[in-house]
Amino acid sequence: SDSIKVAPSILSADFACLLDDIRKIEKNADY
């Protein structure tokens, strides 16, 4: 419970704005 990590999959990101989508999640994501 204290060690759960999340890895957003960019397969579901907007490829036209990929870097923007990465910026939205990078502070909360682990991978």
PDB file of all heavy atoms in Angstrom:
ATOM      1  N   SER A   1       0.798  -1.220   0.000  1.00  0.00           N
ATOM      2  CA  SER A   1       0.000   0.000   0.000  1.00  0.00           C
ATOM      3  C   SER A   1       0.832   1.271   0.000  1.00  0.00           C
ATOM      4  O   SER A   1       0.365   2.315  -0.444  1.00  0.00           O
ATOM      5  CB  SER A   1      -0.950   0.002   1.200  1.00  0.00           C
ATOM      6  OG  SER A   1      -0.223  -0.050   2.412  1.00  0.00           O
ATOM      7  N   ASP A   2       2.050   1.208   0.542  1.00  0.00           N
ATOM      8  CA  ASP A   2       2.878   2.411   0.603  1.00  0.00           C
ATOM      9  C   ASP A   2       3.835   2.532  -0.573  1.00  0.00           C
ATOM     10  O   ASP A   2       4.661   3.444  -0.606  1.00  0.00           O
ATOM     11  CB  ASP A   2       3.686   2.419   1.913  1.00  0.00           C
ATOM     12  CG  ASP A   2       2.780   2.547   3.129  1.00  0.00           C
ATOM     13  OD1 ASP A   2       1.726   3.186   2.994  1.00  0.00           O
ATOM     14  OD2 ASP A   2       3.132   2.005   4.190  1.00  0.00           O
ATOM     15  N   SER A   3       3.766   1.603  -1.491  1.00  0.00           N
ATOM     16  CA  SER A   3       4.772   1.592  -2.560  1.00  0.00           C
ATOM     17  C   SER A   3       4.167   1.505  -3.951  1.00  0.00           C
ATOM     18  O   SER A   3       4.836   1.071  -4.886  1.00  0.00           O
ATOM     19  CB  SER A   3       5.739   0.423  -2.340  1.00  0.00           C
ATOM     20  OG  SER A   3       5.032  -0.808  -2.273  1.00  0.00           O
ATOM     21  N   ILE A   4       2.924   1.878  -4.117  1.00  0.00           N
ATOM     22  CA  ILE A   4       2.277   1.778  -5.421  1.00  0.00           C
ATOM     23  C   ILE A   4       2.804   2.851  -6.355  1.00  0.00           C
ATOM     24  O   ILE A   4       2.844   4.031  -6.021  1.00  0.00           O
ATOM     25  CB  ILE A   4       0.748   1.921  -5.289  1.00  0.00           C
ATOM     26  CG1 ILE A   4       0.196   0.870  -4.323  1.00  0.00           C
ATOM     27  CG2 ILE A   4       0.079   1.791  -6.662  1.00  0.00           C
ATOM     28  CD1 ILE A   4       0.599  -0.546  -4.644  1.00  0.00           C
ATOM     29  N   LYS A   5       3.227   2.422  -7.516  1.00  0.00           N
ATOM     30  CA  LYS A   5       3.743   3.334  -8.535  1.00  0.00           C
ATOM     31  C   LYS A   5       2.819   3.285  -9.754  1.00  0.00           C
ATOM     32  O   LYS A   5       2.153   2.273  -9.991  1.00  0.00           O
ATOM     33  CB  LYS A   5       5.171   2.960  -8.911  1.00  0.00           C
ATOM     34  CG  LYS A   5       6.135   3.017  -7.724  1.00  0.00           C
ATOM     35  CD  LYS A   5       7.561   2.716  -8.140  1.00  0.00           C
ATOM     36  CE  LYS A   5       8.484   2.667  -6.936  1.00  0.00           C
ATOM     37  NZ  LYS A   5       8.469   3.903  -6.141  1.00  0.00           N
ATOM     38  N   VAL A   6       2.834   4.372 -10.508  1.00  0.00           N
ATOM     39  CA  VAL A   6       1.983   4.470 -11.698  1.00  0.00           C
ATOM     40  C   VAL A   6       2.835   4.857 -12.893  1.00  0.00           C
ATOM     41  O   VAL A   6       3.677   5.763 -12.812  1.00  0.00           O
ATOM     42  CB  VAL A   6       0.851   5.495 -11.498  1.00  0.00           C
ATOM     43  CG1 VAL A   6       0.093   5.727 -12.803  1.00  0.00           C
ATOM     44  CG2 VAL A   6      -0.117   5.026 -10.406  1.00  0.00           C
ATOM     45  N   ALA A   7       2.601   4.163 -13.997  1.00  0.00           N
ATOM     46  CA  ALA A   7       3.301   4.440 -15.255  1.00  0.00           C
ATOM     47  C   ALA A   7       2.267   4.766 -16.326  1.00  0.00           C
ATOM     48  O   ALA A   7       1.640   3.857 -16.888  1.00  0.00           O
ATOM     49  CB  ALA A   7       4.138   3.235 -15.689  1.00  0.00           C
ATOM     50  N   PRO A   8       2.025   6.039 -16.592  1.00  0.00           N
ATOM     51  CA  PRO A   8       1.097   6.391 -17.671  1.00  0.00           C
ATOM     52  C   PRO A   8       1.597   5.867 -19.016  1.00  0.00           C
ATOM     53  O   PRO A   8       2.789   5.985 -19.344  1.00  0.00           O
ATOM     54  CB  PRO A   8       1.094   7.922 -17.644  1.00  0.00           C
ATOM     55  CG  PRO A   8       1.543   8.284 -16.264  1.00  0.00           C
ATOM     56  CD  PRO A   8       2.535   7.225 -15.895  1.00  0.00           C
ATOM     57  N   SER A   9       0.698   5.276 -19.766  1.00  0.00           N
ATOM     58  CA  SER A   9       1.045   4.739 -21.082  1.00  0.00           C
ATOM     59  C   SER A   9       0.765   5.762 -22.167  1.00  0.00           C
ATOM     60  O   SER A   9      -0.388   6.168 -22.365  1.00  0.00           O
ATOM     61  CB  SER A   9       0.238   3.469 -21.362  1.00  0.00           C
ATOM     62  OG  SER A   9       0.418   3.053 -22.709  1.00  0.00           O
ATOM     63  N   ILE A  10       1.817   6.167 -22.875  1.00  0.00           N
ATOM     64  CA  ILE A  10       1.625   7.195 -23.899  1.00  0.00           C
ATOM     65  C   ILE A  10       0.892   6.665 -25.124  1.00  0.00           C
ATOM     66  O   ILE A  10       0.589   7.437 -26.035  1.00  0.00           O
ATOM     67  CB  ILE A  10       2.951   7.862 -24.317  1.00  0.00           C
ATOM     68  CG1 ILE A  10       3.918   6.853 -24.941  1.00  0.00           C
ATOM     69  CG2 ILE A  10       3.583   8.573 -23.144  1.00  0.00           C
ATOM     70  CD1 ILE A  10       5.137   7.513 -25.584  1.00  0.00           C
ATOM     71  N   LEU A  11       0.553   5.377 -25.127  1.00  0.00           N
ATOM     72  CA  LEU A  11      -0.288   4.858 -26.204  1.00  0.00           C
ATOM     73  C   LEU A  11      -1.613   5.606 -26.257  1.00  0.00           C
ATOM     74  O   LEU A  11      -2.229   5.720 -27.310  1.00  0.00           O
ATOM     75  CB  LEU A  11      -0.528   3.360 -25.994  1.00  0.00           C
ATOM     76  CG  LEU A  11      -1.294   2.607 -27.073  1.00  0.00           C
ATOM     77  CD1 LEU A  11      -0.545   2.646 -28.402  1.00  0.00           C
ATOM     78  CD2 LEU A  11      -1.540   1.161 -26.654  1.00  0.00           C
ATOM     79  N   SER A  12      -2.051   6.124 -25.097  1.00  0.00           N
ATOM     80  CA  SER A  12      -3.325   6.841 -25.024  1.00  0.00           C
ATOM     81  C   SER A  12      -3.155   8.357 -25.048  1.00  0.00           C
ATOM     82  O   SER A  12      -4.141   9.086 -24.910  1.00  0.00           O
ATOM     83  CB  SER A  12      -4.070   6.438 -23.747  1.00  0.00           C
ATOM     84  OG  SER A  12      -4.383   5.068 -23.765  1.00  0.00           O
ATOM     85  N   ALA A  13      -1.932   8.830 -25.197  1.00  0.00           N
ATOM     86  CA  ALA A  13      -1.692  10.276 -25.239  1.00  0.00           C
ATOM     87  C   ALA A  13      -2.075  10.835 -26.608  1.00  0.00           C
ATOM     88  O   ALA A  13      -2.305  10.091 -27.569  1.00  0.00           O
ATOM     89  CB  ALA A  13      -0.229  10.573 -24.936  1.00  0.00           C
ATOM     90  N   ASP A  14      -2.115  12.155 -26.692  1.00  0.00           N
ATOM     91  CA  ASP A  14      -2.364  12.842 -27.958  1.00  0.00           C
ATOM     92  C   ASP A  14      -1.024  12.978 -28.676  1.00  0.00           C
ATOM     93  O   ASP A  14      -0.172  13.761 -28.278  1.00  0.00           O
ATOM     94  CB  ASP A  14      -2.968  14.220 -27.681  1.00  0.00           C
ATOM     95  CG  ASP A  14      -3.309  14.990 -28.952  1.00  0.00           C
ATOM     96  OD1 ASP A  14      -2.867  14.577 -30.047  1.00  0.00           O
ATOM     97  OD2 ASP A  14      -4.004  16.022 -28.848  1.00  0.00           O
ATOM     98  N   PHE A  15      -0.829  12.212 -29.748  1.00  0.00           N
ATOM     99  CA  PHE A  15       0.472  12.204 -30.424  1.00  0.00           C
ATOM    100  C   PHE A  15       0.814  13.554 -31.048  1.00  0.00           C
ATOM    101  O   PHE A  15       1.982  13.867 -31.251  1.00  0.00           O
ATOM    102  CB  PHE A  15       0.510  11.120 -31.497  1.00  0.00           C
ATOM    103  CG  PHE A  15       0.498   9.713 -30.948  1.00  0.00           C
ATOM    104  CD1 PHE A  15       0.431   8.624 -31.800  1.00  0.00           C
ATOM    105  CD2 PHE A  15       0.550   9.484 -29.590  1.00  0.00           C
ATOM    106  CE1 PHE A  15       0.422   7.332 -31.298  1.00  0.00           C
ATOM    107  CE2 PHE A  15       0.538   8.194 -29.078  1.00  0.00           C
ATOM    108  CZ  PHE A  15       0.479   7.118 -29.932  1.00  0.00           C
ATOM    109  N   ALA A  16      -0.202  14.354 -31.342  1.00  0.00           N
ATOM    110  CA  ALA A  16       0.063  15.671 -31.906  1.00  0.00           C
ATOM    111  C   ALA A  16       0.597  16.636 -30.849  1.00  0.00           C
ATOM    112  O   ALA A  16       1.200  17.651 -31.187  1.00  0.00           O
ATOM    113  CB  ALA A  16      -1.205  16.242 -32.539  1.00  0.00           C
ATOM    114  N   CYS A  17       0.353  16.304 -29.590  1.00  0.00           N
ATOM    115  CA  CYS A  17       0.791  17.159 -28.476  1.00  0.00           C
ATOM    116  C   CYS A  17       1.472  16.292 -27.418  1.00  0.00           C
ATOM    117  O   CYS A  17       1.225  16.456 -26.221  1.00  0.00           O
ATOM    118  CB  CYS A  17      -0.395  17.893 -27.869  1.00  0.00           C
ATOM    119  SG  CYS A  17      -1.370  18.854 -29.036  1.00  0.00           S
ATOM    120  N   LEU A  18       2.323  15.381 -27.861  1.00  0.00           N
ATOM    121  CA  LEU A  18       2.876  14.374 -26.961  1.00  0.00           C
ATOM    122  C   LEU A  18       3.659  14.995 -25.808  1.00  0.00           C
ATOM    123  O   LEU A  18       3.483  14.612 -24.644  1.00  0.00           O
ATOM    124  CB  LEU A  18       3.759  13.402 -27.744  1.00  0.00           C
ATOM    125  CG  LEU A  18       4.372  12.242 -26.952  1.00  0.00           C
ATOM    126  CD1 LEU A  18       3.300  11.463 -26.206  1.00  0.00           C
ATOM    127  CD2 LEU A  18       5.154  11.321 -27.887  1.00  0.00           C
ATOM    128  N   LEU A  19       4.517  15.938 -26.100  1.00  0.00           N
ATOM    129  CA  LEU A  19       5.308  16.544 -25.034  1.00  0.00           C
ATOM    130  C   LEU A  19       4.423  17.292 -24.040  1.00  0.00           C
ATOM    131  O   LEU A  19       4.656  17.246 -22.828  1.00  0.00           O
ATOM    132  CB  LEU A  19       6.372  17.479 -25.616  1.00  0.00           C
ATOM    133  CG  LEU A  19       7.373  18.054 -24.608  1.00  0.00           C
ATOM    134  CD1 LEU A  19       8.068  16.949 -23.834  1.00  0.00           C
ATOM    135  CD2 LEU A  19       8.398  18.938 -25.326  1.00  0.00           C
ATOM    136  N   ASP A  20       3.386  17.950 -24.544  1.00  0.00           N
ATOM    137  CA  ASP A  20       2.451  18.633 -23.649  1.00  0.00           C
ATOM    138  C   ASP A  20       1.791  17.638 -22.702  1.00  0.00           C
ATOM    139  O   ASP A  20       1.626  17.910 -21.503  1.00  0.00           O
ATOM    140  CB  ASP A  20       1.370  19.364 -24.447  1.00  0.00           C
ATOM    141  CG  ASP A  20       1.902  20.598 -25.171  1.00  0.00           C
ATOM    142  OD1 ASP A  20       2.994  21.070 -24.796  1.00  0.00           O
ATOM    143  OD2 ASP A  20       1.235  21.064 -26.106  1.00  0.00           O
ATOM    144  N   ASP A  21       1.406  16.478 -23.229  1.00  0.00           N
ATOM    145  CA  ASP A  21       0.766  15.471 -22.389  1.00  0.00           C
ATOM    146  C   ASP A  21       1.747  14.910 -21.353  1.00  0.00           C
ATOM    147  O   ASP A  21       1.364  14.629 -20.206  1.00  0.00           O
ATOM    148  CB  ASP A  21       0.206  14.335 -23.254  1.00  0.00           C
ATOM    149  CG  ASP A  21      -1.206  14.620 -23.730  1.00  0.00           C
ATOM    150  OD1 ASP A  21      -1.713  15.721 -23.460  1.00  0.00           O
ATOM    151  OD2 ASP A  21      -1.802  13.739 -24.384  1.00  0.00           O
ATOM    152  N   ILE A  22       2.999  14.738 -21.744  1.00  0.00           N
ATOM    153  CA  ILE A  22       4.000  14.260 -20.792  1.00  0.00           C
ATOM    154  C   ILE A  22       4.200  15.273 -19.676  1.00  0.00           C
ATOM    155  O   ILE A  22       4.310  14.923 -18.496  1.00  0.00           O
ATOM    156  CB  ILE A  22       5.332  13.962 -21.515  1.00  0.00           C
ATOM    157  CG1 ILE A  22       5.154  12.746 -22.442  1.00  0.00           C
ATOM    158  CG2 ILE A  22       6.452  13.696 -20.509  1.00  0.00           C
ATOM    159  CD1 ILE A  22       6.342  12.494 -23.360  1.00  0.00           C
ATOM    160  N   ARG A  23       4.236  16.537 -20.039  1.00  0.00           N
ATOM    161  CA  ARG A  23       4.390  17.596 -19.037  1.00  0.00           C
ATOM    162  C   ARG A  23       3.257  17.560 -17.996  1.00  0.00           C
ATOM    163  O   ARG A  23       3.461  17.869 -16.821  1.00  0.00           O
ATOM    164  CB  ARG A  23       4.396  18.961 -19.718  1.00  0.00           C
ATOM    165  CG  ARG A  23       5.599  19.222 -20.598  1.00  0.00           C
ATOM    166  CD  ARG A  23       6.822  19.532 -19.776  1.00  0.00           C
ATOM    167  NE  ARG A  23       7.910  20.036 -20.600  1.00  0.00           N
ATOM    168  CZ  ARG A  23       9.142  19.564 -20.575  1.00  0.00           C
ATOM    169  NH1 ARG A  23       9.438  18.560 -19.762  1.00  0.00           N
ATOM    170  NH2 ARG A  23      10.087  20.072 -21.330  1.00  0.00           N
ATOM    171  N   LYS A  24       2.067  17.189 -18.438  1.00  0.00           N
ATOM    172  CA  LYS A  24       0.914  17.180 -17.533  1.00  0.00           C
ATOM    173  C   LYS A  24       1.045  16.123 -16.439  1.00  0.00           C
ATOM    174  O   LYS A  24       0.457  16.278 -15.363  1.00  0.00           O
ATOM    175  CB  LYS A  24      -0.373  16.918 -18.329  1.00  0.00           C
ATOM    176  CG  LYS A  24      -0.783  18.050 -19.256  1.00  0.00           C
ATOM    177  CD  LYS A  24      -1.998  17.648 -20.077  1.00  0.00           C
ATOM    178  CE  LYS A  24      -2.369  18.726 -21.091  1.00  0.00           C
ATOM    179  NZ  LYS A  24      -3.503  18.283 -21.953  1.00  0.00           N
ATOM    180  N   ILE A  25       1.792  15.053 -16.716  1.00  0.00           N
ATOM    181  CA  ILE A  25       1.804  13.934 -15.771  1.00  0.00           C
ATOM    182  C   ILE A  25       3.143  13.716 -15.087  1.00  0.00           C
ATOM    183  O   ILE A  25       3.240  12.945 -14.134  1.00  0.00           O
ATOM    184  CB  ILE A  25       1.380  12.621 -16.479  1.00  0.00           C
ATOM    185  CG1 ILE A  25       2.239  12.316 -17.721  1.00  0.00           C
ATOM    186  CG2 ILE A  25      -0.089  12.709 -16.911  1.00  0.00           C
ATOM    187  CD1 ILE A  25       3.470  11.510 -17.485  1.00  0.00           C
ATOM    188  N   GLU A  26       4.202  14.395 -15.522  1.00  0.00           N
ATOM    189  CA  GLU A  26       5.529  13.982 -15.071  1.00  0.00           C
ATOM    190  C   GLU A  26       5.785  14.217 -13.583  1.00  0.00           C
ATOM    191  O   GLU A  26       6.609  13.515 -12.983  1.00  0.00           O
ATOM    192  CB  GLU A  26       6.628  14.615 -15.918  1.00  0.00           C
ATOM    193  CG  GLU A  26       6.712  16.108 -15.908  1.00  0.00           C
ATOM    194  CD  GLU A  26       7.787  16.614 -16.861  1.00  0.00           C
ATOM    195  OE1 GLU A  26       8.609  15.812 -17.321  1.00  0.00           O
ATOM    196  OE2 GLU A  26       7.795  17.821 -17.143  1.00  0.00           O
ATOM    197  N   LYS A  27       5.088  15.163 -12.949  1.00  0.00           N
ATOM    198  CA  LYS A  27       5.309  15.389 -11.520  1.00  0.00           C
ATOM    199  C   LYS A  27       4.620  14.351 -10.651  1.00  0.00           C
ATOM    200  O   LYS A  27       4.997  14.150  -9.492  1.00  0.00           O
ATOM    201  CB  LYS A  27       4.843  16.792 -11.129  1.00  0.00           C
ATOM    202  CG  LYS A  27       5.727  17.908 -11.679  1.00  0.00           C
ATOM    203  CD  LYS A  27       5.269  19.276 -11.189  1.00  0.00           C
ATOM    204  CE  LYS A  27       6.168  20.377 -11.733  1.00  0.00           C
ATOM    205  NZ  LYS A  27       5.732  21.731 -11.289  1.00  0.00           N
ATOM    206  N   ASN A  28       3.620  13.683 -11.189  1.00  0.00           N
ATOM    207  CA  ASN A  28       2.860  12.699 -10.419  1.00  0.00           C
ATOM    208  C   ASN A  28       3.197  11.263 -10.795  1.00  0.00           C
ATOM    209  O   ASN A  28       2.974  10.346 -10.003  1.00  0.00           O
ATOM    210  CB  ASN A  28       1.357  12.919 -10.615  1.00  0.00           C
ATOM    211  CG  ASN A  28       0.885  14.236 -10.054  1.00  0.00           C
ATOM    212  OD1 ASN A  28       1.364  15.294 -10.450  1.00  0.00           O
ATOM    213  ND2 ASN A  28      -0.071  14.199  -9.131  1.00  0.00           N
ATOM    214  N   ALA A  29       3.717  11.067 -11.993  1.00  0.00           N
ATOM    215  CA  ALA A  29       4.011   9.714 -12.478  1.00  0.00           C
ATOM    216  C   ALA A  29       5.351   9.224 -11.932  1.00  0.00           C
ATOM    217  O   ALA A  29       6.216  10.018 -11.545  1.00  0.00           O
ATOM    218  CB  ALA A  29       4.025   9.690 -13.999  1.00  0.00           C
ATOM    219  N   ASP A  30       5.515   7.905 -11.926  1.00  0.00           N
ATOM    220  CA  ASP A  30       6.774   7.297 -11.487  1.00  0.00           C
ATOM    221  C   ASP A  30       7.609   6.802 -12.672  1.00  0.00           C
ATOM    222  O   ASP A  30       8.834   6.777 -12.594  1.00  0.00           O
ATOM    223  CB  ASP A  30       6.476   6.128 -10.548  1.00  0.00           C
ATOM    224  CG  ASP A  30       5.714   6.577  -9.318  1.00  0.00           C
ATOM    225  OD1 ASP A  30       6.331   7.191  -8.431  1.00  0.00           O
ATOM    226  OD2 ASP A  30       4.488   6.329  -9.258  1.00  0.00           O
ATOM    227  N   TYR A  31       6.934   6.403 -13.721  1.00  0.00           N
ATOM    228  CA  TYR A  31       7.572   5.956 -14.962  1.00  0.00           C
ATOM    229  C   TYR A  31       6.730   6.468 -16.120  1.00  0.00           C
ATOM    230  O   TYR A  31       5.564   6.833 -15.940  1.00  0.00           O
ATOM    231  CB  TYR A  31       7.633   4.414 -15.053  1.00  0.00           C
ATOM    232  CG  TYR A  31       8.519   3.742 -14.047  1.00  0.00           C
ATOM    233  CD1 TYR A  31       8.046   3.440 -12.767  1.00  0.00           C
ATOM    234  CD2 TYR A  31       9.828   3.394 -14.367  1.00  0.00           C
ATOM    235  CE1 TYR A  31       8.861   2.819 -11.830  1.00  0.00           C
ATOM    236  CE2 TYR A  31      10.640   2.761 -13.440  1.00  0.00           C
ATOM    237  CZ  TYR A  31      10.150   2.482 -12.167  1.00  0.00           C
ATOM    238  OH  TYR A  31      10.962   1.879 -11.258  1.00  0.00           O
TER     239      TYR A  31
END
